[in-house]
Amino acid sequence: GVTIIGAVNLASTVPFHASQLYSRNVANFLSLLFKEGQLNLEDEIPRSTLVCHQGEVVHPRVKESLSTSQSDPAKQSDTPNSTGGEPNA
């Protein structure tokens, strides 16, 4: 005969392991983000995830997107205003 040894309800262990994996990823990211208590801009991962630094947009794609939307008034007038009503004029 064959004997199978393993967890009876494997699906019930998935959320626990997913939480462990997520928390490990966050801890590793934070360890890369800060070096000796200071923001680490030498490492590629923190540098590429940084959007703003000291009040300025530093991420190239975000900066490009913001400059494109600000330079094209036609795009701005087609977006709804903050109240969700009529488009901005």
Protein backbone atom coordinates (compact mmCIF):
# COMPACT_ATOMS: atom_id res chain seq x y z
CA GLY A 1 0.00 0.00 0.00
CA VAL A 2 0.81 3.64 -0.32
CA THR A 3 1.04 5.96 2.68
CA ILE A 4 0.66 9.70 2.06
CA ILE A 5 2.02 11.91 4.79
CA GLY A 6 1.12 15.61 4.65
CA ALA A 7 -1.21 18.30 5.82
CA VAL A 8 -4.82 17.22 5.89
CA ASN A 9 -6.19 20.64 4.97
CA LEU A 10 -3.43 22.28 2.94
CA ALA A 11 -5.63 25.20 1.84
CA SER A 12 -6.03 26.37 5.44
CA THR A 13 -2.28 27.00 5.71
CA VAL A 14 -2.10 29.31 2.66
CA PRO A 15 -3.20 32.58 4.37
CA PHE A 16 -0.62 32.05 7.12
CA HIS A 17 2.19 31.51 4.61
CA ALA A 18 1.02 34.42 2.44
CA SER A 19 1.15 36.71 5.48
CA GLN A 20 4.64 35.46 6.33
CA LEU A 21 5.81 36.05 2.77
CA TYR A 22 4.30 39.55 2.64
CA SER A 23 5.77 40.56 6.00
CA ARG A 24 9.18 39.24 4.98
CA ASN A 25 9.01 41.26 1.73
CA VAL A 26 8.06 44.44 3.61
CA ALA A 27 10.84 43.91 6.17
CA ASN A 28 13.41 43.32 3.42
CA PHE A 29 12.24 46.42 1.53
CA LEU A 30 12.49 48.57 4.66
CA SER A 31 15.99 47.23 5.34
CA LEU A 32 16.99 48.35 1.82
CA LEU A 33 15.18 51.67 2.12
CA PHE A 34 17.08 52.79 5.23
CA LYS A 35 20.78 52.40 5.85
CA GLU A 36 22.10 53.45 9.26
CA GLY A 37 18.88 55.39 9.92
CA GLN A 38 19.13 57.40 6.70
CA LEU A 39 17.26 57.10 3.42
CA ASN A 40 19.37 54.91 1.12
CA LEU A 41 19.40 56.37 -2.38
CA GLU A 42 22.43 54.36 -3.48
CA ASP A 43 20.47 51.12 -3.91
CA GLU A 44 18.50 50.76 -7.14
CA ILE A 45 15.33 49.38 -5.50
CA PRO A 46 14.62 52.26 -3.08
CA ARG A 47 15.72 54.80 -5.70
CA SER A 48 13.35 53.39 -8.34
CA THR A 49 10.37 53.27 -5.95
CA LEU A 50 10.85 56.81 -4.63
CA VAL A 51 8.29 59.26 -6.06
CA CYS A 52 9.01 62.44 -4.08
CA HIS A 53 12.04 63.57 -2.10
CA GLN A 54 12.42 66.86 -0.21
CA GLY A 55 9.26 68.29 -1.79
CA GLU A 56 10.16 67.49 -5.39
CA VAL A 57 8.99 64.75 -7.74
CA VAL A 58 12.05 62.59 -8.49
CA HIS A 59 10.56 59.56 -10.24
CA PRO A 60 11.13 59.99 -14.02
CA ARG A 61 7.81 58.53 -15.19
CA VAL A 62 5.75 60.46 -12.66
CA LYS A 63 7.63 63.64 -13.50
CA GLU A 64 7.01 63.05 -17.22
CA SER A 65 3.34 62.29 -16.63
CA LEU A 66 2.87 65.43 -14.55
CA SER A 67 4.63 67.64 -17.10
CA THR A 68 2.57 66.14 -19.94
CA SER A 69 -0.76 66.66 -18.16
CA GLN A 70 0.15 70.22 -17.15
CA SER A 71 1.29 71.20 -20.63
CA ASP A 72 -1.84 69.87 -22.40
CA PRO A 73 -4.89 71.95 -21.33
CA ALA A 74 -7.19 69.85 -23.55
CA LYS A 75 -6.53 66.81 -21.36
CA GLN A 76 -7.27 68.80 -18.21
CA SER A 77 -10.61 70.16 -19.47
CA ASP A 78 -11.86 66.65 -20.27
CA THR A 79 -11.41 65.42 -16.69
CA PRO A 80 -14.26 65.76 -14.19
CA ASN A 81 -13.83 68.32 -11.44
CA SER A 82 -13.35 67.38 -7.81
CA THR A 83 -17.11 67.29 -7.15
CA GLY A 84 -17.60 64.62 -9.78
CA GLY A 85 -19.91 66.80 -11.84
CA GLU A 86 -19.26 68.68 -15.06
CA PRO A 87 -15.81 68.69 -16.67
CA ASN A 88 -13.52 71.61 -15.80
CA ALA A 89 -13.78 74.54 -18.17
